[in-house]
Amino acid sequence: MAARGSRQRAKTEAERARLYAARAKWHETQVRRRHRDTMIAVIAGALVVIGAVVSQTLHAQITAPAPSPSPSAPASDTPAPETPTPTLTNPPLDSPTPVPTQTPGE
């Protein structure tokens, strides 16, 4: 009977070891897959950003600049009216100049 119990225990331990190895291998595979997926996403994102920058740069260099505005009315021989220039007015000279007052010290 003792041999039968130890055989059963050995089978159970072997099964546990097999399951542990399978889980460890599955976990390692998951880690590698996640790392690979992350690298692919980073590279794809970088390529999209680089493509957008290159596209904008090429578009800016290839397209013609905006036309400069041209006068809408033909030039005429009549001179333009002069705009009045503002004049500075001085205060009247006969107004008294304020004199500072001294307050009594306390």
N, C-alpha and C. Protein backbone atom coordinates (compact mmCIF):
# COMPACT_ATOMS: atom_id res chain seq x y z
N MET A 1 0.80 -1.17 0.00
CA MET A 1 0.00 0.00 0.00
C MET A 1 0.85 1.26 0.00
N ALA A 2 2.01 1.18 0.60
CA ALA A 2 2.85 2.35 0.66
C ALA A 2 3.33 2.73 -0.73
N ALA A 3 3.58 1.78 -1.58
CA ALA A 3 4.05 2.06 -2.93
C ALA A 3 2.93 2.71 -3.74
N ARG A 4 1.72 2.26 -3.50
CA ARG A 4 0.60 2.81 -4.24
C ARG A 4 0.39 4.29 -3.89
N GLY A 5 0.53 4.68 -2.65
CA GLY A 5 0.39 6.07 -2.22
C GLY A 5 1.50 6.95 -2.78
N SER A 6 2.71 6.39 -2.81
CA SER A 6 3.81 7.21 -3.33
C SER A 6 3.70 7.36 -4.85
N ARG A 7 3.15 6.34 -5.54
CA ARG A 7 2.93 6.46 -6.99
C ARG A 7 1.88 7.54 -7.26
N GLN A 8 0.86 7.54 -6.49
CA GLN A 8 -0.22 8.54 -6.65
C GLN A 8 0.34 9.94 -6.39
N ARG A 9 1.18 10.05 -5.36
CA ARG A 9 1.78 11.35 -5.03
C ARG A 9 2.72 11.79 -6.15
N ALA A 10 3.48 10.89 -6.71
CA ALA A 10 4.40 11.21 -7.80
C ALA A 10 3.62 11.67 -9.03
N LYS A 11 2.48 10.99 -9.32
CA LYS A 11 1.64 11.38 -10.45
C LYS A 11 1.10 12.80 -10.23
N THR A 12 0.63 13.07 -9.02
CA THR A 12 0.08 14.39 -8.70
C THR A 12 1.15 15.46 -8.83
N GLU A 13 2.35 15.18 -8.31
CA GLU A 13 3.45 16.15 -8.41
C GLU A 13 3.87 16.36 -9.86
N ALA A 14 3.89 15.30 -10.65
CA ALA A 14 4.25 15.42 -12.06
C ALA A 14 3.21 16.26 -12.80
N GLU A 15 1.93 16.03 -12.48
CA GLU A 15 0.85 16.82 -13.11
C GLU A 15 0.96 18.28 -12.72
N ARG A 16 1.25 18.55 -11.45
CA ARG A 16 1.42 19.94 -11.00
C ARG A 16 2.61 20.59 -11.70
N ALA A 17 3.70 19.86 -11.82
CA ALA A 17 4.89 20.40 -12.49
C ALA A 17 4.59 20.68 -13.96
N ARG A 18 3.85 19.78 -14.62
CA ARG A 18 3.49 19.97 -16.02
C ARG A 18 2.60 21.21 -16.18
N LEU A 19 1.61 21.36 -15.30
CA LEU A 19 0.73 22.52 -15.35
C LEU A 19 1.50 23.83 -15.08
N TYR A 20 2.42 23.77 -14.12
CA TYR A 20 3.23 24.95 -13.80
C TYR A 20 4.07 25.35 -15.01
N ALA A 21 4.71 24.37 -15.65
CA ALA A 21 5.54 24.66 -16.82
C ALA A 21 4.69 25.23 -17.95
N ALA A 22 3.48 24.66 -18.13
CA ALA A 22 2.60 25.16 -19.19
C ALA A 22 2.18 26.61 -18.90
N ARG A 23 1.84 26.89 -17.65
CA ARG A 23 1.44 28.27 -17.30
C ARG A 23 2.61 29.24 -17.45
N ALA A 24 3.79 28.81 -17.04
CA ALA A 24 4.97 29.66 -17.17
C ALA A 24 5.27 29.95 -18.64
N LYS A 25 5.15 28.92 -19.49
CA LYS A 25 5.39 29.11 -20.93
C LYS A 25 4.32 30.03 -21.51
N TRP A 26 3.05 29.86 -21.13
CA TRP A 26 1.97 30.72 -21.61
C TRP A 26 2.20 32.17 -21.19
N HIS A 27 2.61 32.35 -19.94
CA HIS A 27 2.88 33.71 -19.44
C HIS A 27 4.01 34.36 -20.23
N GLU A 28 5.09 33.61 -20.46
CA GLU A 28 6.23 34.16 -21.21
C GLU A 28 5.80 34.51 -22.63
N THR A 29 4.96 33.69 -23.23
CA THR A 29 4.45 33.97 -24.58
C THR A 29 3.62 35.26 -24.58
N GLN A 30 2.79 35.43 -23.54
CA GLN A 30 1.98 36.63 -23.44
C GLN A 30 2.85 37.88 -23.30
N VAL A 31 3.89 37.78 -22.49
CA VAL A 31 4.79 38.92 -22.29
C VAL A 31 5.46 39.30 -23.61
N ARG A 32 5.96 38.29 -24.34
CA ARG A 32 6.60 38.57 -25.63
C ARG A 32 5.61 39.17 -26.62
N ARG A 33 4.38 38.66 -26.67
CA ARG A 33 3.37 39.18 -27.58
C ARG A 33 3.02 40.62 -27.25
N ARG A 34 2.87 40.93 -25.97
CA ARG A 34 2.56 42.32 -25.58
C ARG A 34 3.68 43.26 -25.96
N HIS A 35 4.91 42.80 -25.73
CA HIS A 35 6.07 43.63 -26.09
C HIS A 35 6.10 43.87 -27.60
N ARG A 36 5.86 42.82 -28.37
CA ARG A 36 5.85 42.93 -29.83
C ARG A 36 4.74 43.88 -30.28
N ASP A 37 3.55 43.73 -29.72
CA ASP A 37 2.43 44.60 -30.09
C ASP A 37 2.71 46.05 -29.75
N THR A 38 3.33 46.29 -28.62
CA THR A 38 3.66 47.65 -28.22
C THR A 38 4.67 48.26 -29.20
N MET A 39 5.67 47.50 -29.57
CA MET A 39 6.67 48.00 -30.52
C MET A 39 6.03 48.31 -31.87
N ILE A 40 5.14 47.44 -32.33
CA ILE A 40 4.47 47.67 -33.60
C ILE A 40 3.63 48.95 -33.53
N ALA A 41 2.93 49.16 -32.43
CA ALA A 41 2.10 50.36 -32.27
C ALA A 41 2.96 51.62 -32.23
N VAL A 42 4.09 51.56 -31.55
CA VAL A 42 4.98 52.74 -31.47
C VAL A 42 5.54 53.07 -32.84
N ILE A 43 5.98 52.05 -33.56
CA ILE A 43 6.55 52.28 -34.89
C ILE A 43 5.47 52.82 -35.84
N ALA A 44 4.28 52.24 -35.80
CA ALA A 44 3.20 52.71 -36.67
C ALA A 44 2.82 54.15 -36.33
N GLY A 45 2.75 54.48 -35.05
CA GLY A 45 2.43 55.85 -34.65
C GLY A 45 3.50 56.84 -35.10
N ALA A 46 4.75 56.44 -34.96
CA ALA A 46 5.84 57.31 -35.40
C ALA A 46 5.78 57.53 -36.91
N LEU A 47 5.48 56.48 -37.66
CA LEU A 47 5.38 56.62 -39.11
C LEU A 47 4.23 57.54 -39.51
N VAL A 48 3.12 57.47 -38.80
CA VAL A 48 1.99 58.35 -39.09
C VAL A 48 2.38 59.81 -38.83
N VAL A 49 3.04 60.05 -37.71
CA VAL A 49 3.45 61.43 -37.38
C VAL A 49 4.46 61.94 -38.39
N ILE A 50 5.44 61.13 -38.74
CA ILE A 50 6.45 61.54 -39.72
C ILE A 50 5.79 61.80 -41.07
N GLY A 51 4.86 60.92 -41.46
CA GLY A 51 4.15 61.11 -42.72
C GLY A 51 3.36 62.40 -42.74
N ALA A 52 2.72 62.74 -41.63
CA ALA A 52 1.95 63.99 -41.55
C ALA A 52 2.86 65.21 -41.67
N VAL A 53 4.00 65.16 -41.01
CA VAL A 53 4.93 66.30 -41.08
C VAL A 53 5.47 66.46 -42.50
N VAL A 54 5.86 65.35 -43.12
CA VAL A 54 6.39 65.41 -44.49
C VAL A 54 5.30 65.91 -45.44
N SER A 55 4.09 65.42 -45.28
CA SER A 55 2.98 65.84 -46.14
C SER A 55 2.73 67.34 -46.02
N GLN A 56 2.69 67.84 -44.81
CA GLN A 56 2.46 69.27 -44.62
C GLN A 56 3.60 70.11 -45.19
N THR A 57 4.82 69.64 -45.01
CA THR A 57 5.98 70.37 -45.54
C THR A 57 5.93 70.42 -47.06
N LEU A 58 5.69 69.28 -47.68
CA LEU A 58 5.61 69.26 -49.15
C LEU A 58 4.45 70.11 -49.65
N HIS A 59 3.34 70.05 -49.00
CA HIS A 59 2.19 70.85 -49.42
C HIS A 59 2.51 72.34 -49.34
N ALA A 60 3.19 72.74 -48.29
CA ALA A 60 3.53 74.16 -48.12
C ALA A 60 4.54 74.61 -49.18
N GLN A 61 5.43 73.71 -49.59
CA GLN A 61 6.44 74.09 -50.58
C GLN A 61 5.89 74.05 -52.00
N ILE A 62 4.95 73.17 -52.27
CA ILE A 62 4.46 73.00 -53.64
C ILE A 62 3.38 74.02 -53.98
N THR A 63 2.49 74.31 -53.07
CA THR A 63 1.38 75.21 -53.39
C THR A 63 1.89 76.62 -53.59
N ALA A 64 1.19 77.36 -54.47
CA ALA A 64 1.58 78.74 -54.75
C ALA A 64 1.21 79.63 -53.57
N PRO A 65 1.99 80.67 -53.34
CA PRO A 65 1.63 81.59 -52.26
C PRO A 65 0.35 82.34 -52.62
N ALA A 66 -0.29 82.88 -51.65
CA ALA A 66 -1.53 83.63 -51.85
C ALA A 66 -1.24 84.87 -52.69
N PRO A 67 -2.14 85.21 -53.61
CA PRO A 67 -1.90 86.39 -54.44
C PRO A 67 -1.95 87.67 -53.61
N SER A 68 -1.15 88.64 -54.04
CA SER A 68 -1.16 89.91 -53.32
C SER A 68 -2.39 90.70 -53.76
N PRO A 69 -2.96 91.49 -52.86
CA PRO A 69 -4.18 92.24 -53.22
C PRO A 69 -3.87 93.32 -54.24
N SER A 70 -4.80 93.51 -55.16
CA SER A 70 -4.64 94.56 -56.16
C SER A 70 -5.75 95.59 -55.94
N PRO A 71 -5.53 96.83 -56.36
CA PRO A 71 -6.56 97.85 -56.15
C PRO A 71 -7.80 97.49 -56.97
N SER A 72 -8.98 97.70 -56.39
CA SER A 72 -10.22 97.34 -57.06
C SER A 72 -10.72 98.43 -58.00
N ALA A 73 -10.41 99.68 -57.71
CA ALA A 73 -10.84 100.79 -58.56
C ALA A 73 -9.62 101.32 -59.32
N PRO A 74 -9.83 101.70 -60.57
CA PRO A 74 -8.69 102.26 -61.31
C PRO A 74 -8.28 103.61 -60.73
N ALA A 75 -7.00 103.89 -60.83
CA ALA A 75 -6.48 105.15 -60.31
C ALA A 75 -7.03 106.30 -61.14
N SER A 76 -7.45 107.38 -60.50
CA SER A 76 -8.01 108.53 -61.22
C SER A 76 -7.05 109.71 -61.08
N ASP A 77 -7.32 110.73 -61.90
CA ASP A 77 -6.45 111.91 -61.90
C ASP A 77 -6.80 112.88 -60.78
N THR A 78 -7.93 112.71 -60.13
CA THR A 78 -8.30 113.63 -59.06
C THR A 78 -7.53 113.28 -57.80
N PRO A 79 -6.99 114.28 -57.14
CA PRO A 79 -6.24 113.98 -55.92
C PRO A 79 -7.17 113.56 -54.79
N ALA A 80 -6.65 112.76 -53.93
CA ALA A 80 -7.41 112.29 -52.78
C ALA A 80 -7.60 113.43 -51.81
N PRO A 81 -8.73 113.52 -51.14
CA PRO A 81 -8.95 114.62 -50.19
C PRO A 81 -7.98 114.50 -49.03
N GLU A 82 -7.55 115.65 -48.60
CA GLU A 82 -6.60 115.66 -47.49
C GLU A 82 -7.34 115.45 -46.18
N THR A 83 -6.75 114.69 -45.32
CA THR A 83 -7.35 114.49 -44.01
C THR A 83 -6.84 115.57 -43.08
N PRO A 84 -7.71 116.13 -42.29
CA PRO A 84 -7.26 117.21 -41.40
C PRO A 84 -6.32 116.64 -40.34
N THR A 85 -5.32 117.41 -40.02
CA THR A 85 -4.38 116.99 -38.98
C THR A 85 -4.84 117.57 -37.65
N PRO A 86 -4.78 116.80 -36.61
CA PRO A 86 -5.22 117.33 -35.32
C PRO A 86 -4.25 118.40 -34.83
N THR A 87 -4.80 119.40 -34.18
CA THR A 87 -3.97 120.48 -33.62
C THR A 87 -4.03 120.40 -32.11
N LEU A 88 -2.93 120.72 -31.50
CA LEU A 88 -2.85 120.72 -30.05
C LEU A 88 -3.30 122.09 -29.55
N THR A 89 -4.14 122.08 -28.60
CA THR A 89 -4.60 123.34 -28.02
C THR A 89 -3.97 123.50 -26.65
N ASN A 90 -3.49 124.70 -26.39
CA ASN A 90 -2.89 125.01 -25.09
C ASN A 90 -3.97 125.61 -24.20
N PRO A 91 -3.87 125.37 -22.90
CA PRO A 91 -4.85 125.99 -22.00
C PRO A 91 -4.66 127.51 -22.00
N PRO A 92 -5.71 128.21 -21.69
CA PRO A 92 -5.57 129.68 -21.66
C PRO A 92 -4.52 130.11 -20.64
N LEU A 93 -3.81 131.17 -20.99
CA LEU A 93 -2.71 131.62 -20.14
C LEU A 93 -3.20 132.40 -18.93
N ASP A 94 -4.40 132.93 -18.93
CA ASP A 94 -4.86 133.75 -17.82
C ASP A 94 -5.41 132.93 -16.66
N SER A 95 -5.46 131.60 -16.77
CA SER A 95 -5.97 130.81 -15.65
C SER A 95 -4.90 130.72 -14.57
N PRO A 96 -5.34 130.80 -13.32
CA PRO A 96 -4.35 130.78 -12.24
C PRO A 96 -3.72 129.39 -12.10
N THR A 97 -2.47 129.39 -11.74
CA THR A 97 -1.76 128.14 -11.52
C THR A 97 -2.03 127.69 -10.09
N PRO A 98 -2.42 126.45 -9.87
CA PRO A 98 -2.70 126.00 -8.50
C PRO A 98 -1.42 126.03 -7.66
N VAL A 99 -1.58 126.50 -6.43
CA VAL A 99 -0.45 126.59 -5.50
C VAL A 99 -0.61 125.49 -4.47
N PRO A 100 0.42 124.72 -4.21
CA PRO A 100 0.29 123.65 -3.21
C PRO A 100 0.08 124.24 -1.81
N THR A 101 -0.77 123.62 -1.06
CA THR A 101 -1.03 124.08 0.30
C THR A 101 -0.34 123.14 1.27
N GLN A 102 0.08 123.72 2.39
CA GLN A 102 0.72 122.89 3.40
C GLN A 102 -0.30 122.54 4.46
N THR A 103 -0.31 121.30 4.86
CA THR A 103 -1.21 120.88 5.94
C THR A 103 -0.45 120.98 7.25
N PRO A 104 -1.15 121.40 8.28
CA PRO A 104 -0.43 121.53 9.57
C PRO A 104 0.01 120.15 10.07
N GLY A 105 1.19 120.07 10.58
CA GLY A 105 1.73 118.82 11.11
C GLY A 105 1.17 118.52 12.49
N GLU A 106 0.93 117.31 12.78
CA GLU A 106 0.36 116.97 14.08
C GLU A 106 1.39 116.44 15.01
